[in-house]
N, C-alpha and C. Protein backbone atom coordinates (compact mmCIF):
# COMPACT_ATOMS: atom_id res chain seq x y z
N THR A 1 26.97 -4.56 -5.98
CA THR A 1 25.47 -3.63 -6.20
C THR A 1 24.73 -4.75 -7.06
N ASN A 2 25.12 -5.30 -8.24
CA ASN A 2 24.48 -6.34 -8.67
C ASN A 2 23.54 -7.15 -7.80
N MET A 3 24.29 -7.94 -6.99
CA MET A 3 23.80 -8.75 -6.13
C MET A 3 22.69 -8.16 -5.34
N LEU A 4 22.64 -6.95 -4.89
CA LEU A 4 21.33 -6.07 -4.09
C LEU A 4 20.48 -5.92 -5.02
N LEU A 5 20.67 -5.59 -6.15
CA LEU A 5 19.56 -5.61 -7.08
C LEU A 5 18.84 -6.68 -7.56
N PHE A 6 19.50 -7.93 -7.74
CA PHE A 6 19.01 -9.21 -7.86
C PHE A 6 18.13 -9.46 -6.76
N MET A 7 18.80 -9.10 -5.48
CA MET A 7 18.13 -9.58 -4.36
C MET A 7 16.79 -8.81 -4.10
N GLY A 8 16.84 -7.48 -4.56
CA GLY A 8 15.49 -6.60 -4.48
C GLY A 8 14.55 -7.15 -5.35
N LEU A 9 14.91 -7.45 -6.48
CA LEU A 9 14.05 -8.01 -7.73
C LEU A 9 13.18 -9.60 -7.12
N LEU A 10 14.24 -10.20 -6.37
CA LEU A 10 13.64 -11.47 -5.84
C LEU A 10 12.86 -11.13 -4.91
N SER A 11 13.09 -10.28 -4.04
CA SER A 11 12.19 -10.04 -2.84
C SER A 11 11.07 -9.39 -3.26
N ALA A 12 11.00 -8.60 -4.18
CA ALA A 12 9.68 -8.29 -4.81
C ALA A 12 8.75 -9.35 -5.43
N LEU A 13 9.62 -10.09 -6.03
CA LEU A 13 8.77 -11.02 -7.06
C LEU A 13 8.25 -12.21 -5.77
N THR A 14 9.14 -12.46 -4.49
CA THR A 14 8.50 -13.36 -3.78
C THR A 14 7.35 -12.89 -3.10
N GLY A 15 7.36 -11.68 -2.62
CA GLY A 15 6.25 -11.06 -1.83
C GLY A 15 5.18 -10.97 -2.70
N GLY A 16 5.24 -10.76 -3.73
CA GLY A 16 3.81 -10.57 -4.50
C GLY A 16 3.44 -11.83 -5.05
N TRP A 17 4.18 -12.97 -5.37
CA TRP A 17 3.55 -14.23 -5.50
C TRP A 17 3.04 -14.98 -4.20
N SER A 18 3.95 -14.78 -3.22
CA SER A 18 3.26 -15.29 -2.00
C SER A 18 2.06 -14.76 -1.50
N GLY A 19 1.58 -13.58 -1.68
CA GLY A 19 0.40 -13.00 -0.99
C GLY A 19 -0.93 -13.20 -1.96
N LEU A 20 -0.38 -13.75 -2.93
CA LEU A 20 -1.95 -13.94 -4.08
C LEU A 20 -2.88 -14.61 -3.24
N ASN A 21 -2.58 -15.85 -2.60
CA ASN A 21 -3.67 -16.74 -2.34
C ASN A 21 -4.33 -16.79 -0.75
N GLN A 22 -3.62 -15.66 0.03
CA GLN A 22 -4.01 -15.42 1.15
C GLN A 22 -5.36 -14.45 1.43
N THR A 23 -5.87 -14.92 2.56
CA THR A 23 -7.13 -14.60 3.06
C THR A 23 -6.92 -13.79 4.31
N GLN A 24 -5.97 -13.78 5.37
CA GLN A 24 -5.76 -13.44 6.24
C GLN A 24 -5.15 -11.77 5.78
N THR A 25 -5.60 -10.67 6.26
CA THR A 25 -5.09 -9.26 6.20
C THR A 25 -3.41 -9.13 6.83
N ARG A 26 -3.31 -9.68 7.77
CA ARG A 26 -2.01 -9.62 8.35
C ARG A 26 -1.03 -10.48 7.53
N LYS A 27 -1.27 -11.67 6.97
CA LYS A 27 -0.60 -12.26 6.11
C LYS A 27 -0.46 -11.65 5.06
N ILE A 28 -1.37 -10.84 4.07
CA ILE A 28 -1.27 -9.87 2.96
C ILE A 28 -0.43 -8.87 3.21
N LEU A 29 -0.45 -8.25 4.47
CA LEU A 29 0.50 -7.13 4.74
C LEU A 29 1.64 -7.52 4.91
N ALA A 30 1.97 -8.62 5.26
CA ALA A 30 3.65 -9.52 5.50
C ALA A 30 3.73 -9.50 4.31
N PHE A 31 3.50 -10.37 3.40
CA PHE A 31 4.07 -10.20 2.28
C PHE A 31 4.14 -9.12 1.30
N SER A 32 3.31 -8.22 1.30
CA SER A 32 3.33 -6.66 0.83
C SER A 32 4.75 -6.24 1.58
N SER A 33 4.91 -6.25 2.85
CA SER A 33 6.31 -6.02 3.41
C SER A 33 7.40 -6.50 2.64
N ILE A 34 7.32 -7.86 2.21
CA ILE A 34 8.24 -8.39 1.60
C ILE A 34 8.93 -7.95 0.29
N ALA A 35 7.58 -7.64 -0.34
CA ALA A 35 7.44 -6.97 -1.90
C ALA A 35 7.99 -5.48 -1.61
N HIS A 36 7.84 -4.62 -0.80
CA HIS A 36 8.25 -3.46 -0.39
C HIS A 36 9.80 -3.30 -0.34
N MET A 37 9.90 -4.23 0.40
CA MET A 37 11.62 -4.04 0.92
C MET A 37 12.41 -4.48 -0.50
N GLY A 38 11.66 -5.10 -1.35
CA GLY A 38 12.54 -5.35 -2.74
C GLY A 38 12.87 -3.96 -3.26
N TRP A 39 11.92 -3.23 -3.33
CA TRP A 39 12.00 -1.83 -3.88
C TRP A 39 12.63 -1.07 -2.82
N LEU A 40 12.82 -1.41 -1.55
CA LEU A 40 13.81 -0.58 -0.83
C LEU A 40 15.17 -0.94 -1.18
N LEU A 41 15.66 -2.47 -1.28
CA LEU A 41 16.76 -2.55 -1.32
C LEU A 41 17.29 -2.09 -2.66
N THR A 42 16.48 -1.87 -3.84
CA THR A 42 16.94 -1.42 -5.12
C THR A 42 16.97 0.16 -4.92
N ALA A 43 16.28 0.80 -4.05
CA ALA A 43 16.42 2.18 -3.69
C ALA A 43 17.72 2.46 -3.31
N LEU A 44 17.91 1.60 -2.14
CA LEU A 44 19.32 1.40 -1.40
C LEU A 44 20.46 1.52 -2.22
N THR A 45 20.54 0.82 -3.22
CA THR A 45 21.78 0.48 -4.11
C THR A 45 21.95 1.60 -5.08
N LEU A 46 20.66 2.40 -5.34
CA LEU A 46 20.95 3.48 -6.25
C LEU A 46 21.15 4.68 -5.59
N ASN A 47 20.29 5.16 -4.75
CA ASN A 47 20.47 6.52 -3.68
C ASN A 47 20.05 6.34 -2.50
N PRO A 48 20.81 6.57 -1.63
CA PRO A 48 20.50 6.56 -0.05
C PRO A 48 19.36 7.72 0.26
N THR A 49 19.14 8.64 -0.69
CA THR A 49 17.94 9.68 -0.23
C THR A 49 16.77 9.13 -0.75
N LEU A 50 16.91 8.31 -1.93
CA LEU A 50 15.74 7.80 -2.43
C LEU A 50 15.28 6.50 -1.86
N ALA A 51 15.99 6.08 -0.90
CA ALA A 51 15.71 4.89 -0.16
C ALA A 51 15.15 5.53 1.10
N THR A 52 15.43 6.72 1.67
CA THR A 52 14.90 7.26 2.70
C THR A 52 13.37 7.35 2.28
N LEU A 53 13.23 8.21 1.35
CA LEU A 53 11.98 8.60 1.15
C LEU A 53 10.97 7.67 0.56
N THR A 54 11.60 6.59 0.34
CA THR A 54 10.86 5.08 -0.09
C THR A 54 10.53 4.39 1.73
N LEU A 55 11.31 4.31 2.42
CA LEU A 55 11.05 3.93 3.77
C LEU A 55 9.99 4.65 4.46
N LEU A 56 10.22 6.00 4.38
CA LEU A 56 9.32 6.76 5.04
C LEU A 56 7.60 6.81 4.44
N THR A 57 7.65 6.80 3.10
CA THR A 57 6.34 6.77 2.32
C THR A 57 5.74 5.20 2.55
N TYR A 58 6.61 4.11 2.72
CA TYR A 58 5.86 2.57 2.84
C TYR A 58 5.40 2.53 4.69
N LEU A 59 6.27 3.37 5.50
CA LEU A 59 5.97 3.28 6.98
C LEU A 59 4.63 4.24 7.32
N LEU A 60 4.36 5.03 6.36
CA LEU A 60 3.30 5.94 6.33
C LEU A 60 2.17 5.28 5.94
N MET A 61 2.11 4.67 4.88
CA MET A 61 0.96 3.81 4.18
C MET A 61 0.55 2.63 4.99
N THR A 62 1.80 1.89 5.68
CA THR A 62 1.25 0.64 6.23
C THR A 62 0.66 1.01 7.65
N SER A 63 1.45 2.08 8.34
CA SER A 63 0.66 2.37 9.62
C SER A 63 -0.92 3.01 9.09
N THR A 64 -1.33 3.66 8.26
CA THR A 64 -2.63 4.09 7.81
C THR A 64 -3.47 2.82 7.69
N ILE A 65 -2.82 1.77 7.19
CA ILE A 65 -3.41 0.55 6.98
C ILE A 65 -3.88 0.16 8.22
N PHE A 66 -2.84 -0.16 8.89
CA PHE A 66 -3.03 -0.85 10.28
C PHE A 66 -4.09 -0.35 11.17
N ILE A 67 -3.83 1.07 11.08
CA ILE A 67 -4.91 1.83 11.90
C ILE A 67 -6.43 1.53 11.48
N CYS A 68 -6.47 1.61 10.17
CA CYS A 68 -7.96 1.48 9.57
C CYS A 68 -8.47 0.20 9.91
N LEU A 69 -7.62 -0.89 9.80
CA LEU A 69 -7.75 -2.46 9.99
C LEU A 69 -8.19 -2.55 11.45
N ASP A 70 -7.33 -2.02 12.41
CA ASP A 70 -7.44 -2.20 13.75
C ASP A 70 -8.92 -1.39 14.20
N THR A 71 -9.06 -0.14 13.43
CA THR A 71 -10.36 0.61 14.06
C THR A 71 -11.52 -0.33 13.33
N THR A 72 -11.72 -1.10 12.30
CA THR A 72 -12.75 -1.98 11.95
C THR A 72 -12.74 -3.34 12.36
N THR A 73 -11.82 -3.63 13.02
CA THR A 73 -11.44 -4.80 13.47
C THR A 73 -11.62 -5.89 12.24
N THR A 74 -10.67 -5.71 11.26
CA THR A 74 -10.84 -6.48 10.08
C THR A 74 -9.56 -7.64 10.11
N LYS A 75 -10.01 -9.01 10.46
CA LYS A 75 -9.15 -9.69 10.44
C LYS A 75 -8.71 -10.65 8.94
N THR A 76 -9.86 -10.70 8.41
CA THR A 76 -9.78 -11.51 6.92
C THR A 76 -10.46 -10.65 6.14
N ILE A 77 -9.91 -10.98 4.57
CA ILE A 77 -10.43 -9.94 3.58
C ILE A 77 -11.83 -10.40 3.43
N SER A 78 -12.55 -11.22 3.95
CA SER A 78 -14.04 -11.49 3.88
C SER A 78 -14.79 -10.69 4.84
N ASP A 79 -14.13 -10.00 5.78
CA ASP A 79 -14.68 -9.27 6.84
C ASP A 79 -14.62 -7.79 6.38
N MET A 80 -14.00 -7.56 5.43
CA MET A 80 -13.90 -6.34 4.65
C MET A 80 -15.20 -5.82 4.03
N GLY A 81 -15.88 -6.99 3.65
CA GLY A 81 -17.08 -6.81 2.83
C GLY A 81 -18.24 -6.20 3.84
N THR A 82 -18.15 -6.38 5.38
CA THR A 82 -18.93 -5.71 6.27
C THR A 82 -18.54 -4.80 7.20
N ALA A 83 -17.00 -4.08 6.82
CA ALA A 83 -16.45 -3.34 7.37
C ALA A 83 -17.31 -1.93 7.29
N TRP A 84 -18.24 -1.82 6.31
CA TRP A 84 -18.67 -0.57 6.23
C TRP A 84 -19.84 -0.37 7.01
N ILE A 85 -20.26 -1.18 7.86
CA ILE A 85 -20.95 -0.77 9.29
C ILE A 85 -20.30 -0.13 9.95
N HIS A 86 -19.28 -0.35 10.23
CA HIS A 86 -18.74 0.30 11.31
C HIS A 86 -18.50 1.83 10.96
N SER A 87 -18.15 2.08 9.69
CA SER A 87 -17.76 3.53 9.23
C SER A 87 -17.81 3.45 7.37
N PRO A 88 -18.63 4.03 6.72
CA PRO A 88 -18.35 4.01 5.52
C PRO A 88 -17.16 5.03 5.02
N THR A 89 -17.03 5.88 5.68
CA THR A 89 -15.86 6.94 5.29
C THR A 89 -14.44 6.09 5.56
N LEU A 90 -14.60 5.53 6.73
CA LEU A 90 -13.36 4.71 6.91
C LEU A 90 -13.04 3.93 6.02
N LEU A 91 -13.97 3.16 5.69
CA LEU A 91 -13.79 2.05 4.70
C LEU A 91 -13.22 2.55 3.30
N THR A 92 -13.81 3.54 2.77
CA THR A 92 -13.56 4.54 1.53
C THR A 92 -12.06 4.78 1.75
N THR A 93 -11.57 5.22 2.89
CA THR A 93 -10.24 5.71 2.95
C THR A 93 -9.32 4.49 2.96
N THR A 94 -9.64 3.46 3.65
CA THR A 94 -8.83 2.28 3.55
C THR A 94 -8.53 1.85 2.15
N THR A 95 -9.67 1.87 1.34
CA THR A 95 -9.65 1.31 0.25
C THR A 95 -8.61 2.45 -0.77
N LEU A 96 -8.59 3.64 -0.77
CA LEU A 96 -7.76 4.52 -1.12
C LEU A 96 -6.35 4.26 -0.97
N THR A 97 -6.17 3.95 0.82
CA THR A 97 -4.82 3.46 0.88
C THR A 97 -4.40 2.18 0.38
N LEU A 98 -5.56 1.40 0.09
CA LEU A 98 -4.83 0.13 -0.36
C LEU A 98 -4.30 0.23 -1.87
N LEU A 99 -5.02 1.29 -2.73
CA LEU A 99 -4.76 1.56 -3.92
C LEU A 99 -3.50 2.24 -4.03
N SER A 100 -2.96 3.21 -2.76
CA SER A 100 -2.19 3.86 -2.90
C SER A 100 -0.59 2.73 -2.45
N LEU A 101 -0.69 1.71 -1.63
CA LEU A 101 -0.10 0.97 -1.47
C LEU A 101 0.69 -0.04 -2.73
N GLY A 102 -0.76 0.17 -3.80
CA GLY A 102 -0.46 -1.08 -5.01
C GLY A 102 0.65 -0.01 -5.86
N GLY A 103 0.38 1.31 -5.51
CA GLY A 103 1.32 2.16 -6.34
C GLY A 103 0.38 2.75 -7.61
N LEU A 104 -0.54 3.21 -7.33
CA LEU A 104 -1.47 3.61 -8.81
C LEU A 104 -1.12 5.12 -8.74
N PRO A 105 -0.93 5.35 -9.98
CA PRO A 105 -0.47 6.64 -10.04
C PRO A 105 -1.00 8.29 -9.41
N PRO A 106 -2.23 8.38 -9.27
CA PRO A 106 -2.54 9.54 -8.61
C PRO A 106 -2.13 9.58 -7.18
N LEU A 107 -1.86 8.35 -6.74
CA LEU A 107 -1.67 8.46 -5.09
C LEU A 107 -0.14 8.44 -4.62
N THR A 108 0.18 8.45 -3.41
CA THR A 108 1.33 8.63 -2.99
C THR A 108 2.14 7.35 -3.17
N GLY A 109 1.49 6.17 -3.05
CA GLY A 109 2.52 4.92 -3.16
C GLY A 109 2.97 4.93 -4.69
N PHE A 110 2.35 5.58 -5.27
CA PHE A 110 3.19 5.80 -7.25
C PHE A 110 4.59 6.52 -6.77
N MET A 111 4.47 7.25 -5.98
CA MET A 111 5.73 8.18 -6.11
C MET A 111 7.18 7.37 -5.94
N PRO A 112 7.63 6.73 -4.78
CA PRO A 112 8.93 5.82 -4.75
C PRO A 112 9.15 4.93 -5.88
N LYS A 113 8.01 4.30 -6.25
CA LYS A 113 7.88 3.27 -7.46
C LYS A 113 8.54 4.17 -8.91
N TRP A 114 7.86 5.39 -8.93
CA TRP A 114 8.05 6.11 -10.03
C TRP A 114 9.64 6.90 -9.88
N LEU A 115 10.10 7.06 -9.03
CA LEU A 115 11.62 7.54 -8.86
C LEU A 115 12.51 6.34 -8.91
N ILE A 116 12.47 5.37 -8.52
CA ILE A 116 12.91 4.05 -8.68
C ILE A 116 13.12 3.62 -9.78
N LEU A 117 12.22 3.67 -10.60
CA LEU A 117 12.00 3.12 -11.94
C LEU A 117 13.23 4.29 -12.95
N LYS A 118 12.76 5.65 -12.57
CA LYS A 118 13.57 6.55 -13.39
C LYS A 118 14.95 6.37 -12.95
N GLU A 119 15.39 6.19 -11.79
CA GLU A 119 16.92 5.94 -11.56
C GLU A 119 17.18 4.86 -12.24
N LEU A 120 16.60 3.78 -12.14
CA LEU A 120 17.06 2.70 -12.90
C LEU A 120 17.28 2.64 -14.65
N THR A 121 16.38 3.54 -14.92
CA THR A 121 16.55 3.69 -16.25
C THR A 121 17.70 4.77 -16.53
N MET A 122 17.82 5.74 -15.85
CA MET A 122 18.62 6.78 -16.00
C MET A 122 20.31 6.25 -15.90
N THR A 123 20.32 4.84 -15.18
CA THR A 123 21.43 4.15 -15.16
C THR A 123 21.59 3.29 -15.92
N GLY A 124 20.86 3.25 -16.83
CA GLY A 124 21.02 1.92 -17.94
C GLY A 124 20.64 0.66 -17.47
N LEU A 125 20.02 0.48 -16.63
CA LEU A 125 19.26 -0.59 -16.08
C LEU A 125 17.72 -0.71 -16.59
N ASN A 126 17.71 -0.97 -18.05
CA ASN A 126 16.07 -0.74 -18.50
C ASN A 126 15.61 -2.21 -18.36
N MET A 127 16.16 -3.17 -18.30
CA MET A 127 15.73 -4.57 -18.27
C MET A 127 15.21 -4.79 -16.93
N LEU A 128 16.30 -4.70 -15.84
CA LEU A 128 15.57 -4.30 -14.45
C LEU A 128 14.39 -3.55 -14.04
N SER A 129 14.37 -2.32 -14.56
CA SER A 129 13.28 -1.75 -14.27
C SER A 129 11.97 -2.22 -14.79
N ILE A 130 12.14 -2.98 -15.96
CA ILE A 130 10.93 -3.82 -16.62
C ILE A 130 10.50 -4.91 -15.75
N LEU A 131 11.40 -5.44 -15.31
CA LEU A 131 11.19 -6.67 -14.19
C LEU A 131 10.51 -6.17 -12.98
N LEU A 132 11.16 -5.25 -12.47
CA LEU A 132 10.70 -4.70 -11.42
C LEU A 132 9.46 -4.33 -11.09
N ALA A 133 8.92 -3.38 -12.61
CA ALA A 133 7.60 -3.24 -12.43
C ALA A 133 6.82 -4.00 -12.91
N LEU A 134 6.92 -5.12 -13.39
CA LEU A 134 6.18 -6.42 -13.60
C LEU A 134 5.85 -7.13 -12.42
N ALA A 135 7.03 -7.02 -11.35
CA ALA A 135 7.15 -8.07 -10.19
C ALA A 135 6.30 -7.17 -9.36
N ALA A 136 5.75 -5.93 -9.33
CA ALA A 136 4.77 -5.19 -8.63
C ALA A 136 3.35 -5.63 -8.81
N LEU A 137 3.20 -6.07 -10.20
CA LEU A 137 1.99 -6.49 -10.55
C LEU A 137 0.97 -7.55 -9.51
N PRO A 138 1.75 -8.28 -8.97
CA PRO A 138 0.73 -9.32 -8.30
C PRO A 138 0.51 -8.66 -7.02
N SER A 139 1.41 -8.01 -6.28
CA SER A 139 1.19 -7.12 -5.29
C SER A 139 -0.36 -6.28 -5.54
N LEU A 140 -0.44 -5.33 -6.65
CA LEU A 140 -1.24 -4.86 -6.82
C LEU A 140 -2.55 -5.58 -7.24
N TYR A 141 -2.33 -6.68 -7.67
CA TYR A 141 -3.84 -7.61 -7.70
C TYR A 141 -4.33 -7.96 -6.80
N PHE A 142 -3.51 -8.21 -5.36
CA PHE A 142 -4.02 -8.48 -4.12
C PHE A 142 -4.79 -7.32 -3.61
N TYR A 143 -4.12 -6.17 -3.70
CA TYR A 143 -4.69 -4.67 -3.42
C TYR A 143 -5.98 -4.53 -3.88
N ILE A 144 -6.04 -4.88 -5.05
CA ILE A 144 -7.27 -4.64 -5.99
C ILE A 144 -8.34 -5.34 -5.54
N ARG A 145 -8.04 -6.95 -5.28
CA ARG A 145 -8.62 -7.91 -4.72
C ARG A 145 -9.23 -7.41 -3.55
N MET A 146 -8.64 -6.54 -2.35
CA MET A 146 -9.23 -6.51 -1.32
C MET A 146 -10.04 -5.32 -1.25
N THR A 147 -9.84 -4.40 -2.14
CA THR A 147 -10.76 -3.03 -2.70
C THR A 147 -12.12 -3.47 -3.12
N TYR A 148 -11.61 -4.68 -3.94
CA TYR A 148 -13.00 -4.92 -4.53
C TYR A 148 -14.06 -5.81 -3.36
N LEU A 149 -13.34 -6.24 -2.53
CA LEU A 149 -14.16 -7.41 -1.78
C LEU A 149 -14.59 -6.20 -0.75
N ALA A 150 -14.11 -5.39 -0.33
CA ALA A 150 -14.34 -4.21 0.44
C ALA A 150 -15.77 -3.28 -0.12
N THR A 151 -15.55 -2.97 -1.14
CA THR A 151 -16.67 -2.28 -1.96
C THR A 151 -17.82 -2.57 -2.69
N PHE A 152 -17.35 -3.88 -3.38
CA PHE A 152 -18.35 -4.47 -4.24
C PHE A 152 -19.26 -5.78 -3.83
N THR A 153 -18.69 -6.07 -2.64
CA THR A 153 -19.27 -7.25 -2.22
C THR A 153 -20.13 -7.04 -0.75
N THR A 154 -20.63 -5.75 -1.04
CA THR A 154 -21.47 -5.61 0.72
C THR A 154 -22.71 -6.32 0.65
N PRO A 155 -23.28 -6.76 1.68
CA PRO A 155 -24.43 -7.64 1.48
C PRO A 155 -25.58 -6.82 1.44
N PRO A 156 -26.57 -7.29 0.74
CA PRO A 156 -27.57 -6.55 0.58
C PRO A 156 -28.41 -5.69 1.82
N SER A 157 -28.61 -4.53 1.71
CA SER A 157 -29.23 -3.97 2.89
C SER A 157 -30.53 -3.20 2.44
N THR A 158 -31.30 -2.69 3.50
CA THR A 158 -32.25 -1.74 3.30
C THR A 158 -32.05 -0.46 3.66
N THR A 159 -32.74 0.44 3.76
CA THR A 159 -32.36 1.76 4.25
C THR A 159 -32.66 1.96 5.54
N THR A 160 -33.03 1.00 6.22
CA THR A 160 -33.18 1.03 7.70
C THR A 160 -32.08 0.23 8.52
N THR A 161 -31.12 -0.02 7.71
CA THR A 161 -29.59 -0.62 8.36
C THR A 161 -29.17 -0.23 9.75
N GLU A 162 -28.98 -0.75 10.63
CA GLU A 162 -28.39 0.13 11.90
C GLU A 162 -26.97 -0.20 11.71
N TYR A 163 -26.00 0.91 12.20
CA TYR A 163 -24.84 0.99 12.03
C TYR A 163 -24.42 0.51 13.54
N LYS A 164 -23.43 -0.04 13.55
CA LYS A 164 -22.95 -0.69 15.02
C LYS A 164 -22.88 0.52 15.96
N TRP A 165 -23.31 0.01 17.09
CA TRP A 165 -24.09 0.62 18.28
C TRP A 165 -22.32 1.14 19.09
N ARG A 166 -21.74 2.09 19.21
CA ARG A 166 -20.78 2.60 20.15
C ARG A 166 -20.75 3.82 20.90
N LEU A 167 -20.56 3.62 22.23
CA LEU A 167 -20.65 4.55 23.14
C LEU A 167 -19.59 5.67 22.76
N ASN A 168 -18.42 4.97 22.86
CA ASN A 168 -17.35 5.96 22.54
C ASN A 168 -16.56 5.63 21.41
N PRO A 169 -16.75 6.74 20.24
CA PRO A 169 -16.27 6.28 18.83
C PRO A 169 -14.59 6.40 19.05
N ASN A 170 -13.86 5.26 18.69
CA ASN A 170 -12.42 5.03 18.64
C ASN A 170 -11.62 5.50 17.59
N TYR A 171 -12.14 6.94 17.04
CA TYR A 171 -11.50 7.45 15.94
C TYR A 171 -10.25 8.43 16.25
N LYS A 172 -9.53 8.20 15.98
CA LYS A 172 -8.18 9.07 16.23
C LYS A 172 -7.49 10.23 15.52
N ILE A 173 -7.36 11.13 15.80
CA ILE A 173 -6.92 12.09 14.67
C ILE A 173 -5.80 11.92 13.88
N ASN A 174 -5.10 10.65 14.38
CA ASN A 174 -3.89 10.61 13.41
C ASN A 174 -4.19 9.67 12.03
N THR A 175 -5.47 9.08 12.38
CA THR A 175 -6.05 8.47 11.12
C THR A 175 -6.23 9.66 10.04
N THR A 176 -6.87 10.67 10.40
CA THR A 176 -7.07 11.53 9.35
C THR A 176 -6.01 11.76 8.61
N LEU A 177 -4.94 12.49 9.89
CA LEU A 177 -3.52 12.86 8.98
C LEU A 177 -3.06 11.96 8.38
N THR A 178 -2.88 10.65 8.75
CA THR A 178 -2.10 9.66 8.02
C THR A 178 -2.70 9.04 6.64
N THR A 179 -4.13 9.12 6.60
CA THR A 179 -4.88 8.91 5.33
C THR A 179 -4.66 9.94 4.61
N THR A 180 -4.46 11.02 4.65
CA THR A 180 -4.51 12.33 3.78
C THR A 180 -3.19 12.30 3.42
N LEU A 181 -1.94 12.07 4.25
CA LEU A 181 -0.67 11.98 3.79
C LEU A 181 -0.38 10.75 2.72
N SER A 182 -0.92 9.84 3.09
CA SER A 182 -0.80 8.20 2.60
C SER A 182 -1.55 8.21 1.05
N THR A 183 -2.45 9.29 0.75
CA THR A 183 -2.90 9.24 -0.48
C THR A 183 -2.85 10.65 -1.46
N LEU A 184 -2.47 11.91 -0.71
CA LEU A 184 -2.22 13.10 -1.72
C LEU A 184 -0.91 13.56 -1.69
N LEU A 185 0.25 12.98 -1.53
CA LEU A 185 1.41 13.48 -1.39
C LEU A 185 2.30 13.74 -2.64
N LEU A 186 1.34 12.87 -3.79
CA LEU A 186 2.61 13.19 -4.91
C LEU A 186 2.47 14.40 -5.60
N PRO A 187 1.85 15.47 -5.45
CA PRO A 187 2.37 16.77 -6.01
C PRO A 187 3.54 17.40 -5.22
N LEU A 188 4.07 16.80 -4.23
CA LEU A 188 4.94 17.31 -3.42
C LEU A 188 6.30 16.56 -3.64
N THR A 189 6.33 15.56 -4.73
CA THR A 189 7.18 14.84 -4.80
C THR A 189 8.56 15.58 -5.12
N PRO A 190 8.31 16.59 -5.87
CA PRO A 190 9.99 17.45 -5.98
C PRO A 190 10.44 17.97 -4.93
N LEU A 191 9.61 18.53 -4.03
CA LEU A 191 9.88 19.05 -2.72
C LEU A 191 10.36 17.98 -1.65
N LEU A 192 9.84 16.81 -1.67
CA LEU A 192 10.23 15.81 -0.69
C LEU A 192 11.46 15.25 -1.15
N TYR A 193 11.74 15.18 -2.22
CA TYR A 193 12.65 14.21 -3.03
C TYR A 193 14.29 14.66 -2.99
N HIS A 194 13.96 16.57 -3.01
CA HIS A 194 15.17 17.31 -2.89
C HIS A 194 15.42 17.79 -1.69
N THR A 195 14.54 17.40 -0.55
CA THR A 195 14.49 18.00 0.64
C THR A 195 15.42 17.07 1.52
N LEU A 196 14.94 15.66 1.37
CA LEU A 196 15.66 14.81 1.99
C LEU A 196 17.12 14.52 1.95
């Protein structure tokens, strides 16, 4: 089990550090997956129920991000500055989901990290929990960088800005559902944790 815990920490560090200088959203999300698999490996050694909850939460958040990025046809992080033309509301939910992937406390992505850190400290692995929490900071940095580029670097516009013309809007009902779940599930943590 010590080897799996070390591999989880190494995976979280590798994914976080490798994703720092990336500009393409697919590469950023690929390195994010490596970092999240480190958390998943750690959860798997501690508690299989917690690993299941971590995997389901991660799948929910990444599917939401991929749906949002596909809808706005965002390929690089510089494209995120002009994604508001497609839909300002969708860009807002994209940024909230990015912050949830980073694990900020009021959002759903905080839930698995919180529970994993709790399990690590309950088993006496305090140093590993501190190192794993610090390993999450580079990932949080590139999520915040994506959020910053999407919200604060929008090009100057006047009130007569025309939105992108669409004959058939390609919004899907599952975008609303997955976005809501990937940002607002934290109050249901006890129910989800003890039901799985």
